[in-house]
Amino acid sequence: MNGKTLHKTAADCAEELPGAELEHPFGDDWQVFKVRGKVFMLMTEVPGRPVVILKSDPGEARALQGENSHITPGYHMNKKHWITLEGGDTVDKGLVRELVTESYLLVVAHLPKAERPVDPHTYGSRAKAAR
């Protein structure tokens, strides 16, 4: 997957998530997706390379980085809780959608229950069961 497709796939997925909003607090070069005011995804270019920065469970982040050279610690973010995804041979639309949704659900799970647009423990479970 090339960088342009990476950004389009990630943005398309984020825009489908309940309560997700796009902002540009750091200028036009940065797309920041939030749910209830909390960041779950950032997109920009790091010296000409499109990247997607996502929240990740620390254990999962280490595993992903060990398995895939296109996944590195979060650019300008807490390296334990964020990952950076670049386009590449081992990155497909399914992986991008999975990582974007997981990032969103991690953020939603830490919102007060009354503010959650979805139940992070069951959201998407019907779609997974149907596969």
Protein backbone atom coordinates (compact mmCIF):
# COMPACT_ATOMS: atom_id res chain seq x y z
CA MET A 1 0.00 0.00 0.00
CA ASN A 2 1.39 3.39 -0.90
CA GLY A 3 1.22 6.42 1.38
CA LYS A 4 -1.64 8.14 -0.43
CA THR A 5 -3.78 4.98 -0.15
CA LEU A 6 -2.73 4.64 3.50
CA HIS A 7 -4.04 8.11 4.33
CA LYS A 8 -7.27 7.60 2.36
CA THR A 9 -7.98 4.20 3.95
CA ALA A 10 -7.28 5.48 7.47
CA ALA A 11 -9.39 8.64 6.99
CA ASP A 12 -12.28 6.70 5.43
CA CYS A 13 -12.29 4.30 8.38
CA ALA A 14 -12.06 7.08 10.98
CA GLU A 15 -14.91 9.02 9.38
CA GLU A 16 -17.19 5.96 9.74
CA LEU A 17 -16.64 5.72 13.50
CA PRO A 18 -19.45 7.14 15.69
CA GLY A 19 -18.62 10.55 17.13
CA ALA A 20 -15.33 10.93 15.24
CA GLU A 21 -14.39 14.46 14.25
CA LEU A 22 -11.58 15.83 12.08
CA GLU A 23 -9.64 18.88 13.21
CA HIS A 24 -6.50 20.72 12.08
CA PRO A 25 -5.08 22.18 15.34
CA PHE A 26 -1.47 22.08 14.07
CA GLY A 27 -2.17 23.50 10.59
CA ASP A 28 -3.19 22.01 7.27
CA ASP A 29 -0.30 19.51 7.29
CA TRP A 30 -1.81 17.58 10.19
CA GLN A 31 -5.18 15.82 10.22
CA VAL A 32 -6.24 15.03 13.78
CA PHE A 33 -9.18 12.74 14.45
CA LYS A 34 -10.84 12.94 17.85
CA VAL A 35 -13.74 11.33 19.66
CA ARG A 36 -15.37 13.48 22.35
CA GLY A 37 -12.34 15.79 22.25
CA LYS A 38 -9.74 13.02 22.69
CA VAL A 39 -7.23 12.23 19.93
CA PHE A 40 -7.23 8.72 18.48
CA MET A 41 -5.46 9.30 15.14
CA LEU A 42 -3.10 11.80 13.54
CA MET A 43 -2.00 11.90 9.91
CA THR A 44 0.84 13.90 8.38
CA GLU A 45 3.96 13.51 6.27
CA VAL A 46 7.34 12.93 7.86
CA PRO A 47 9.96 14.07 5.33
CA GLY A 48 7.81 13.18 2.33
CA ARG A 49 6.49 9.90 3.78
CA PRO A 50 2.79 9.80 4.67
CA VAL A 51 2.27 8.38 8.16
CA VAL A 52 -0.66 7.53 10.41
CA ILE A 53 -0.12 7.80 14.17
CA LEU A 54 -2.43 5.67 16.34
CA LYS A 55 -3.00 4.79 19.97
CA SER A 56 -2.10 1.18 20.78
CA ASP A 57 -2.02 -1.15 23.76
CA PRO A 58 1.65 -1.24 24.90
CA GLY A 59 1.99 -5.02 24.56
CA GLU A 60 0.30 -5.02 21.18
CA ALA A 61 2.44 -2.08 20.05
CA ARG A 62 5.65 -4.00 20.84
CA ALA A 63 4.36 -7.09 19.03
CA LEU A 64 3.28 -5.09 15.97
CA GLN A 65 6.66 -3.35 15.79
CA GLY A 66 8.45 -6.68 16.04
CA GLU A 67 6.37 -8.21 13.25
CA ASN A 68 6.21 -5.32 10.79
CA SER A 69 8.98 -2.94 9.71
CA HIS A 70 6.32 -0.40 8.64
CA ILE A 71 5.12 0.02 12.24
CA THR A 72 7.36 2.06 14.54
CA PRO A 73 6.97 3.91 17.86
CA GLY A 74 4.63 6.92 17.74
CA TYR A 75 6.11 9.96 16.01
CA HIS A 76 6.20 12.88 18.50
CA MET A 77 3.96 10.87 20.86
CA ASN A 78 4.41 8.63 23.91
CA LYS A 79 6.39 5.72 22.43
CA LYS A 80 4.76 3.23 24.79
CA HIS A 81 1.14 4.03 23.90
CA TRP A 82 1.34 5.21 20.26
CA ILE A 83 2.52 3.68 16.99
CA THR A 84 3.36 5.14 13.60
CA LEU A 85 2.17 3.29 10.51
CA GLU A 86 3.79 3.83 7.10
CA GLY A 87 2.74 2.45 3.75
CA GLY A 88 4.51 -0.67 2.54
CA ASP A 89 4.24 -4.19 1.20
CA THR A 90 3.07 -5.67 4.49
CA VAL A 91 0.41 -3.02 5.09
CA ASP A 92 -3.04 -3.71 3.66
CA LYS A 93 -6.45 -2.08 4.03
CA GLY A 94 -7.57 -4.67 6.57
CA LEU A 95 -4.62 -3.95 8.86
CA VAL A 96 -5.11 -0.19 8.58
CA ARG A 97 -8.84 -0.44 9.38
CA GLU A 98 -8.15 -2.78 12.30
CA LEU A 99 -5.51 -0.49 13.82
CA VAL A 100 -7.62 2.68 13.37
CA THR A 101 -10.65 1.01 14.98
CA GLU A 102 -8.55 -0.36 17.84
CA SER A 103 -7.10 3.10 18.50
CA TYR A 104 -10.59 4.60 18.55
CA LEU A 105 -11.87 1.91 20.95
CA LEU A 106 -8.92 2.41 23.33
CA VAL A 107 -9.80 6.10 23.58
CA VAL A 108 -13.55 5.45 23.91
CA ALA A 109 -12.91 2.94 26.72
CA HIS A 110 -11.32 5.71 28.81
CA LEU A 111 -14.21 8.14 28.36
CA PRO A 112 -16.86 8.41 31.09
CA LYS A 113 -19.61 5.91 30.26
CA ALA A 114 -22.16 8.68 29.68
CA GLU A 115 -19.92 10.22 26.98
CA ARG A 116 -19.13 7.03 25.06
CA PRO A 117 -20.68 7.01 21.56
CA VAL A 118 -20.39 3.18 21.55
CA ASP A 119 -19.68 0.36 24.00
CA PRO A 120 -15.96 -0.30 23.38
CA HIS A 121 -16.33 -3.93 24.44
CA THR A 122 -19.07 -4.82 21.95
CA TYR A 123 -18.65 -2.31 19.09
CA GLY A 124 -18.04 -4.16 15.86
CA SER A 125 -18.52 -7.59 17.45
CA ARG A 126 -21.47 -8.41 15.14
CA ALA A 127 -19.34 -7.61 12.10
CA LYS A 128 -16.54 -9.84 13.42
CA ALA A 129 -18.99 -12.67 14.15
CA ALA A 130 -20.40 -12.44 10.61
CA ARG A 131 -16.98 -13.06 9.04
